[in-house]
Amino acid sequence: MARGNEGQELHTYVNYAWGDESLQARYGYEPWRLQKLRELKTKYDPCGKFDFFNPIPQARRTRCRGQDSPGYETQ
């Protein structure tokens, strides 16, 4: 994270994020932004198959076929 900017909002381009930035720094500080992203994530990726890079936490996760099976991998 950038140092020396205490009290200022940090803005990070998602592709250059290290992962220790806040969700707001990566996706925007307006509350509606994260809400909209969570809704889209729930609609289009309910099983979380694309959670490997800068994931957007969802309020609820759909239980998908095969997740509890041995050998299940999220790729």
PDB file of N, CA and C in Angstrom:
ATOM      1  N   MET A   1       0.834  -1.177   0.000  1.00  0.00           N
ATOM      2  CA  MET A   1       0.000   0.000   0.000  1.00  0.00           C
ATOM      3  C   MET A   1       0.877   1.238   0.000  1.00  0.00           C
ATOM      4  N   ALA A   2       0.361   2.268  -0.529  1.00  0.00           N
ATOM      5  CA  ALA A   2       1.101   3.524  -0.560  1.00  0.00           C
ATOM      6  C   ALA A   2       1.200   4.087   0.848  1.00  0.00           C
ATOM      7  N   ARG A   3       2.363   4.520   1.218  1.00  0.00           N
ATOM      8  CA  ARG A   3       2.592   5.095   2.537  1.00  0.00           C
ATOM      9  C   ARG A   3       2.711   6.608   2.401  1.00  0.00           C
ATOM     10  N   GLY A   4       2.470   7.304   3.497  1.00  0.00           N
ATOM     11  CA  GLY A   4       2.592   8.748   3.489  1.00  0.00           C
ATOM     12  C   GLY A   4       1.332   9.467   3.050  1.00  0.00           C
ATOM     13  N   ASN A   5       0.265   8.727   2.827  1.00  0.00           N
ATOM     14  CA  ASN A   5      -0.997   9.327   2.393  1.00  0.00           C
ATOM     15  C   ASN A   5      -2.075   9.143   3.448  1.00  0.00           C
ATOM     16  N   GLU A   6      -1.702   9.133   4.714  1.00  0.00           N
ATOM     17  CA  GLU A   6      -2.677   8.927   5.776  1.00  0.00           C
ATOM     18  C   GLU A   6      -3.775   9.979   5.682  1.00  0.00           C
ATOM     19  N   GLY A   7      -5.004   9.536   5.815  1.00  0.00           N
ATOM     20  CA  GLY A   7      -6.143  10.438   5.756  1.00  0.00           C
ATOM     21  C   GLY A   7      -6.681  10.653   4.352  1.00  0.00           C
ATOM     22  N   GLN A   8      -5.993  10.141   3.359  1.00  0.00           N
ATOM     23  CA  GLN A   8      -6.450  10.278   1.977  1.00  0.00           C
ATOM     24  C   GLN A   8      -6.984   8.933   1.488  1.00  0.00           C
ATOM     25  N   GLU A   9      -7.931   8.981   0.558  1.00  0.00           N
ATOM     26  CA  GLU A   9      -8.453   7.747  -0.023  1.00  0.00           C
ATOM     27  C   GLU A   9      -7.416   7.157  -0.969  1.00  0.00           C
ATOM     28  N   LEU A  10      -7.174   5.875  -0.814  1.00  0.00           N
ATOM     29  CA  LEU A  10      -6.269   5.166  -1.695  1.00  0.00           C
ATOM     30  C   LEU A  10      -7.065   4.627  -2.876  1.00  0.00           C
ATOM     31  N   HIS A  11      -6.581   4.832  -4.069  1.00  0.00           N
ATOM     32  CA  HIS A  11      -7.220   4.303  -5.273  1.00  0.00           C
ATOM     33  C   HIS A  11      -6.222   3.405  -5.977  1.00  0.00           C
ATOM     34  N   THR A  12      -6.657   2.198  -6.313  1.00  0.00           N
ATOM     35  CA  THR A  12      -5.787   1.205  -6.921  1.00  0.00           C
ATOM     36  C   THR A  12      -6.429   0.649  -8.177  1.00  0.00           C
ATOM     37  N   TYR A  13      -5.660   0.534  -9.232  1.00  0.00           N
ATOM     38  CA  TYR A  13      -6.122  -0.136 -10.436  1.00  0.00           C
ATOM     39  C   TYR A  13      -6.156  -1.629 -10.124  1.00  0.00           C
ATOM     40  N   VAL A  14      -7.282  -2.292 -10.334  1.00  0.00           N
ATOM     41  CA  VAL A  14      -7.483  -3.671  -9.898  1.00  0.00           C
ATOM     42  C   VAL A  14      -6.382  -4.604 -10.393  1.00  0.00           C
ATOM     43  N   ASN A  15      -5.947  -4.465 -11.612  1.00  0.00           N
ATOM     44  CA  ASN A  15      -4.930  -5.377 -12.142  1.00  0.00           C
ATOM     45  C   ASN A  15      -3.567  -5.199 -11.473  1.00  0.00           C
ATOM     46  N   TYR A  16      -3.355  -4.088 -10.780  1.00  0.00           N
ATOM     47  CA  TYR A  16      -2.090  -3.858 -10.086  1.00  0.00           C
ATOM     48  C   TYR A  16      -2.220  -3.997  -8.579  1.00  0.00           C
ATOM     49  N   ALA A  17      -3.347  -4.443  -8.098  1.00  0.00           N
ATOM     50  CA  ALA A  17      -3.567  -4.585  -6.656  1.00  0.00           C
ATOM     51  C   ALA A  17      -2.729  -5.734  -6.102  1.00  0.00           C
ATOM     52  N   TRP A  18      -2.234  -5.561  -4.885  1.00  0.00           N
ATOM     53  CA  TRP A  18      -1.456  -6.599  -4.201  1.00  0.00           C
ATOM     54  C   TRP A  18      -2.356  -7.535  -3.420  1.00  0.00           C
ATOM     55  N   GLY A  19      -3.529  -7.057  -3.057  1.00  0.00           N
ATOM     56  CA  GLY A  19      -4.447  -7.867  -2.269  1.00  0.00           C
ATOM     57  C   GLY A  19      -4.611  -7.367  -0.859  1.00  0.00           C
ATOM     58  N   ASP A  20      -3.742  -6.441  -0.424  1.00  0.00           N
ATOM     59  CA  ASP A  20      -3.883  -5.906   0.927  1.00  0.00           C
ATOM     60  C   ASP A  20      -4.656  -4.588   0.941  1.00  0.00           C
ATOM     61  N   GLU A  21      -5.119  -4.157  -0.217  1.00  0.00           N
ATOM     62  CA  GLU A  21      -5.931  -2.943  -0.304  1.00  0.00           C
ATOM     63  C   GLU A  21      -7.365  -3.247   0.132  1.00  0.00           C
ATOM     64  N   SER A  22      -8.059  -2.233   0.566  1.00  0.00           N
ATOM     65  CA  SER A  22      -9.461  -2.432   0.939  1.00  0.00           C
ATOM     66  C   SER A  22     -10.303  -2.618  -0.334  1.00  0.00           C
ATOM     67  N   LEU A  23     -11.493  -3.166  -0.155  1.00  0.00           N
ATOM     68  CA  LEU A  23     -12.398  -3.310  -1.297  1.00  0.00           C
ATOM     69  C   LEU A  23     -12.734  -1.950  -1.885  1.00  0.00           C
ATOM     70  N   GLN A  24     -12.856  -0.948  -1.015  1.00  0.00           N
ATOM     71  CA  GLN A  24     -13.179   0.393  -1.488  1.00  0.00           C
ATOM     72  C   GLN A  24     -12.037   0.962  -2.335  1.00  0.00           C
ATOM     73  N   ALA A  25     -10.801   0.701  -1.963  1.00  0.00           N
ATOM     74  CA  ALA A  25      -9.660   1.195  -2.741  1.00  0.00           C
ATOM     75  C   ALA A  25      -9.639   0.546  -4.127  1.00  0.00           C
ATOM     76  N   ARG A  26     -10.061  -0.710  -4.199  1.00  0.00           N
ATOM     77  CA  ARG A  26     -10.047  -1.416  -5.483  1.00  0.00           C
ATOM     78  C   ARG A  26     -11.261  -1.111  -6.348  1.00  0.00           C
ATOM     79  N   TYR A  27     -12.434  -0.972  -5.729  1.00  0.00           N
ATOM     80  CA  TYR A  27     -13.670  -0.886  -6.507  1.00  0.00           C
ATOM     81  C   TYR A  27     -14.429   0.419  -6.371  1.00  0.00           C
ATOM     82  N   GLY A  28     -13.980   1.324  -5.520  1.00  0.00           N
ATOM     83  CA  GLY A  28     -14.631   2.618  -5.383  1.00  0.00           C
ATOM     84  C   GLY A  28     -15.214   2.824  -4.000  1.00  0.00           C
ATOM     85  N   TYR A  29     -15.219   4.061  -3.553  1.00  0.00           N
ATOM     86  CA  TYR A  29     -15.642   4.391  -2.198  1.00  0.00           C
ATOM     87  C   TYR A  29     -17.138   4.636  -2.068  1.00  0.00           C
ATOM     88  N   GLU A  30     -17.859   4.789  -3.171  1.00  0.00           N
ATOM     89  CA  GLU A  30     -19.297   4.982  -3.081  1.00  0.00           C
ATOM     90  C   GLU A  30     -19.951   3.647  -2.717  1.00  0.00           C
ATOM     91  N   PRO A  31     -20.814   3.617  -1.703  1.00  0.00           N
ATOM     92  CA  PRO A  31     -21.416   2.358  -1.238  1.00  0.00           C
ATOM     93  C   PRO A  31     -22.179   1.601  -2.329  1.00  0.00           C
ATOM     94  N   TRP A  32     -22.789   2.311  -3.268  1.00  0.00           N
ATOM     95  CA  TRP A  32     -23.579   1.637  -4.297  1.00  0.00           C
ATOM     96  C   TRP A  32     -22.694   0.782  -5.209  1.00  0.00           C
ATOM     97  N   ARG A  33     -21.420   1.117  -5.344  1.00  0.00           N
ATOM     98  CA  ARG A  33     -20.540   0.355  -6.232  1.00  0.00           C
ATOM     99  C   ARG A  33     -20.364  -1.091  -5.766  1.00  0.00           C
ATOM    100  N   LEU A  34     -20.023  -1.262  -4.499  1.00  0.00           N
ATOM    101  CA  LEU A  34     -19.847  -2.619  -3.985  1.00  0.00           C
ATOM    102  C   LEU A  34     -21.159  -3.382  -3.961  1.00  0.00           C
ATOM    103  N   GLN A  35     -22.250  -2.696  -3.658  1.00  0.00           N
ATOM    104  CA  GLN A  35     -23.558  -3.357  -3.667  1.00  0.00           C
ATOM    105  C   GLN A  35     -23.888  -3.881  -5.056  1.00  0.00           C
ATOM    106  N   LYS A  36     -23.667  -3.062  -6.074  1.00  0.00           N
ATOM    107  CA  LYS A  36     -23.944  -3.483  -7.450  1.00  0.00           C
ATOM    108  C   LYS A  36     -23.029  -4.633  -7.874  1.00  0.00           C
ATOM    109  N   LEU A  37     -21.743  -4.560  -7.512  1.00  0.00           N
ATOM    110  CA  LEU A  37     -20.820  -5.644  -7.840  1.00  0.00           C
ATOM    111  C   LEU A  37     -21.230  -6.943  -7.164  1.00  0.00           C
ATOM    112  N   ARG A  38     -21.664  -6.850  -5.897  1.00  0.00           N
ATOM    113  CA  ARG A  38     -22.105  -8.066  -5.193  1.00  0.00           C
ATOM    114  C   ARG A  38     -23.340  -8.674  -5.861  1.00  0.00           C
ATOM    115  N   GLU A  39     -24.268  -7.831  -6.278  1.00  0.00           N
ATOM    116  CA  GLU A  39     -25.466  -8.335  -6.961  1.00  0.00           C
ATOM    117  C   GLU A  39     -25.097  -9.022  -8.272  1.00  0.00           C
ATOM    118  N   LEU A  40     -24.215  -8.410  -9.052  1.00  0.00           N
ATOM    119  CA  LEU A  40     -23.794  -9.012 -10.319  1.00  0.00           C
ATOM    120  C   LEU A  40     -23.037 -10.315 -10.088  1.00  0.00           C
ATOM    121  N   LYS A  41     -22.182 -10.334  -9.075  1.00  0.00           N
ATOM    122  CA  LYS A  41     -21.416 -11.528  -8.744  1.00  0.00           C
ATOM    123  C   LYS A  41     -22.345 -12.667  -8.342  1.00  0.00           C
ATOM    124  N   THR A  42     -23.341 -12.359  -7.539  1.00  0.00           N
ATOM    125  CA  THR A  42     -24.306 -13.377  -7.115  1.00  0.00           C
ATOM    126  C   THR A  42     -25.089 -13.908  -8.300  1.00  0.00           C
ATOM    127  N   LYS A  43     -25.427 -13.041  -9.237  1.00  0.00           N
ATOM    128  CA  LYS A  43     -26.216 -13.449 -10.396  1.00  0.00           C
ATOM    129  C   LYS A  43     -25.396 -14.274 -11.386  1.00  0.00           C
ATOM    130  N   TYR A  44     -24.181 -13.827 -11.705  1.00  0.00           N
ATOM    131  CA  TYR A  44     -23.418 -14.449 -12.785  1.00  0.00           C
ATOM    132  C   TYR A  44     -22.353 -15.444 -12.335  1.00  0.00           C
ATOM    133  N   ASP A  45     -21.980 -15.442 -11.059  1.00  0.00           N
ATOM    134  CA  ASP A  45     -20.993 -16.396 -10.551  1.00  0.00           C
ATOM    135  C   ASP A  45     -21.399 -16.872  -9.162  1.00  0.00           C
ATOM    136  N   PRO A  46     -22.560 -17.519  -9.063  1.00  0.00           N
ATOM    137  CA  PRO A  46     -23.076 -17.908  -7.748  1.00  0.00           C
ATOM    138  C   PRO A  46     -22.210 -18.948  -7.041  1.00  0.00           C
ATOM    139  N   CYS A  47     -21.435 -19.729  -7.767  1.00  0.00           N
ATOM    140  CA  CYS A  47     -20.598 -20.762  -7.159  1.00  0.00           C
ATOM    141  C   CYS A  47     -19.201 -20.263  -6.820  1.00  0.00           C
ATOM    142  N   GLY A  48     -18.854 -19.048  -7.219  1.00  0.00           N
ATOM    143  CA  GLY A  48     -17.555 -18.489  -6.892  1.00  0.00           C
ATOM    144  C   GLY A  48     -16.399 -19.071  -7.672  1.00  0.00           C
ATOM    145  N   LYS A  49     -16.651 -19.509  -8.890  1.00  0.00           N
ATOM    146  CA  LYS A  49     -15.584 -20.098  -9.695  1.00  0.00           C
ATOM    147  C   LYS A  49     -14.518 -19.083 -10.100  1.00  0.00           C
ATOM    148  N   PHE A  50     -14.825 -17.797 -10.022  1.00  0.00           N
ATOM    149  CA  PHE A  50     -13.872 -16.766 -10.427  1.00  0.00           C
ATOM    150  C   PHE A  50     -13.415 -15.927  -9.240  1.00  0.00           C
ATOM    151  N   ASP A  51     -13.284 -16.540  -8.081  1.00  0.00           N
ATOM    152  CA  ASP A  51     -12.888 -15.842  -6.866  1.00  0.00           C
ATOM    153  C   ASP A  51     -11.376 -15.812  -6.658  1.00  0.00           C
ATOM    154  N   PHE A  52     -10.609 -16.259  -7.603  1.00  0.00           N
ATOM    155  CA  PHE A  52      -9.166 -16.413  -7.392  1.00  0.00           C
ATOM    156  C   PHE A  52      -8.387 -15.108  -7.415  1.00  0.00           C
ATOM    157  N   PHE A  53      -8.881 -14.040  -8.013  1.00  0.00           N
ATOM    158  CA  PHE A  53      -8.131 -12.789  -8.109  1.00  0.00           C
ATOM    159  C   PHE A  53      -9.016 -11.628  -7.697  1.00  0.00           C
ATOM    160  N   ASN A  54      -8.653 -10.940  -6.632  1.00  0.00           N
ATOM    161  CA  ASN A  54      -9.430  -9.810  -6.115  1.00  0.00           C
ATOM    162  C   ASN A  54     -10.913 -10.130  -5.991  1.00  0.00           C
ATOM    163  N   PRO A  55     -11.256 -11.117  -5.176  1.00  0.00           N
ATOM    164  CA  PRO A  55     -12.653 -11.524  -5.059  1.00  0.00           C
ATOM    165  C   PRO A  55     -13.542 -10.439  -4.448  1.00  0.00           C
ATOM    166  N   ILE A  56     -14.805 -10.516  -4.789  1.00  0.00           N
ATOM    167  CA  ILE A  56     -15.826  -9.636  -4.226  1.00  0.00           C
ATOM    168  C   ILE A  56     -16.659 -10.510  -3.288  1.00  0.00           C
ATOM    169  N   PRO A  57     -16.559 -10.301  -1.979  1.00  0.00           N
ATOM    170  CA  PRO A  57     -17.324 -11.133  -1.051  1.00  0.00           C
ATOM    171  C   PRO A  57     -18.825 -11.010  -1.301  1.00  0.00           C
ATOM    172  N   GLN A  58     -19.492 -12.153  -1.270  1.00  0.00           N
ATOM    173  CA  GLN A  58     -20.938 -12.173  -1.475  1.00  0.00           C
ATOM    174  C   GLN A  58     -21.641 -12.354  -0.144  1.00  0.00           C
ATOM    175  N   ALA A  59     -22.867 -11.879  -0.088  1.00  0.00           N
ATOM    176  CA  ALA A  59     -23.663 -12.034   1.124  1.00  0.00           C
ATOM    177  C   ALA A  59     -24.016 -13.501   1.345  1.00  0.00           C
ATOM    178  N   ARG A  60     -24.316 -14.204   0.280  1.00  0.00           N
ATOM    179  CA  ARG A  60     -24.645 -15.632   0.391  1.00  0.00           C
ATOM    180  C   ARG A  60     -24.008 -16.373  -0.778  1.00  0.00           C
ATOM    181  N   ARG A  61     -23.608 -17.587  -0.523  1.00  0.00           N
ATOM    182  CA  ARG A  61     -22.958 -18.409  -1.537  1.00  0.00           C
ATOM    183  C   ARG A  61     -23.885 -19.573  -1.878  1.00  0.00           C
ATOM    184  N   THR A  62     -24.127 -19.793  -3.146  1.00  0.00           N
ATOM    185  CA  THR A  62     -24.937 -20.916  -3.597  1.00  0.00           C
ATOM    186  C   THR A  62     -24.113 -22.189  -3.496  1.00  0.00           C
ATOM    187  N   ARG A  63     -24.725 -23.224  -2.998  1.00  0.00           N
ATOM    188  CA  ARG A  63     -24.042 -24.515  -2.918  1.00  0.00           C
ATOM    189  C   ARG A  63     -24.109 -25.157  -4.295  1.00  0.00           C
ATOM    190  N   CYS A  64     -22.971 -25.420  -4.868  1.00  0.00           N
ATOM    191  CA  CYS A  64     -22.917 -25.939  -6.223  1.00  0.00           C
ATOM    192  C   CYS A  64     -22.546 -27.411  -6.241  1.00  0.00           C
ATOM    193  N   ARG A  65     -23.009 -28.078  -7.243  1.00  0.00           N
ATOM    194  CA  ARG A  65     -22.764 -29.503  -7.398  1.00  0.00           C
ATOM    195  C   ARG A  65     -21.267 -29.784  -7.458  1.00  0.00           C
ATOM    196  N   GLY A  66     -20.844 -30.744  -6.675  1.00  0.00           N
ATOM    197  CA  GLY A  66     -19.464 -31.181  -6.726  1.00  0.00           C
ATOM    198  C   GLY A  66     -18.533 -30.483  -5.762  1.00  0.00           C
ATOM    199  N   GLN A  67     -18.950 -29.454  -5.083  1.00  0.00           N
ATOM    200  CA  GLN A  67     -18.040 -28.739  -4.192  1.00  0.00           C
ATOM    201  C   GLN A  67     -17.612 -29.581  -3.000  1.00  0.00           C
ATOM    202  N   ASP A  68     -18.458 -30.475  -2.546  1.00  0.00           N
ATOM    203  CA  ASP A  68     -18.102 -31.308  -1.402  1.00  0.00           C
ATOM    204  C   ASP A  68     -17.503 -32.642  -1.824  1.00  0.00           C
ATOM    205  N   SER A  69     -17.416 -32.891  -3.120  1.00  0.00           N
ATOM    206  CA  SER A  69     -16.886 -34.141  -3.623  1.00  0.00           C
ATOM    207  C   SER A  69     -15.364 -34.135  -3.558  1.00  0.00           C
ATOM    208  N   PRO A  70     -14.751 -35.300  -3.311  1.00  0.00           N
ATOM    209  CA  PRO A  70     -13.281 -35.365  -3.362  1.00  0.00           C
ATOM    210  C   PRO A  70     -12.807 -35.003  -4.764  1.00  0.00           C
ATOM    211  N   GLY A  71     -11.743 -34.270  -4.845  1.00  0.00           N
ATOM    212  CA  GLY A  71     -11.190 -33.895  -6.152  1.00  0.00           C
ATOM    213  C   GLY A  71     -11.793 -32.644  -6.733  1.00  0.00           C
ATOM    214  N   TYR A  72     -12.736 -32.001  -6.018  1.00  0.00           N
ATOM    215  CA  TYR A  72     -13.322 -30.767  -6.528  1.00  0.00           C
ATOM    216  C   TYR A  72     -12.280 -29.683  -6.495  1.00  0.00           C
ATOM    217  N   GLU A  73     -12.115 -28.985  -7.601  1.00  0.00           N
ATOM    218  CA  GLU A  73     -11.146 -27.897  -7.673  1.00  0.00           C
ATOM    219  C   GLU A  73     -11.807 -26.685  -8.273  1.00  0.00           C
ATOM    220  N   THR A  74     -11.487 -25.513  -7.752  1.00  0.00           N
ATOM    221  CA  THR A  74     -11.931 -24.280  -8.384  1.00  0.00           C
ATOM    222  C   THR A  74     -10.786 -23.780  -9.231  1.00  0.00           C
ATOM    223  N   GLN A  75     -11.004 -23.714 -10.503  1.00  0.00           N
ATOM    224  CA  GLN A  75      -9.938 -23.300 -11.405  1.00  0.00           C
ATOM    225  C   GLN A  75     -10.321 -22.032 -12.093  1.00  0.00           C
TER     226      GLN A  75
END
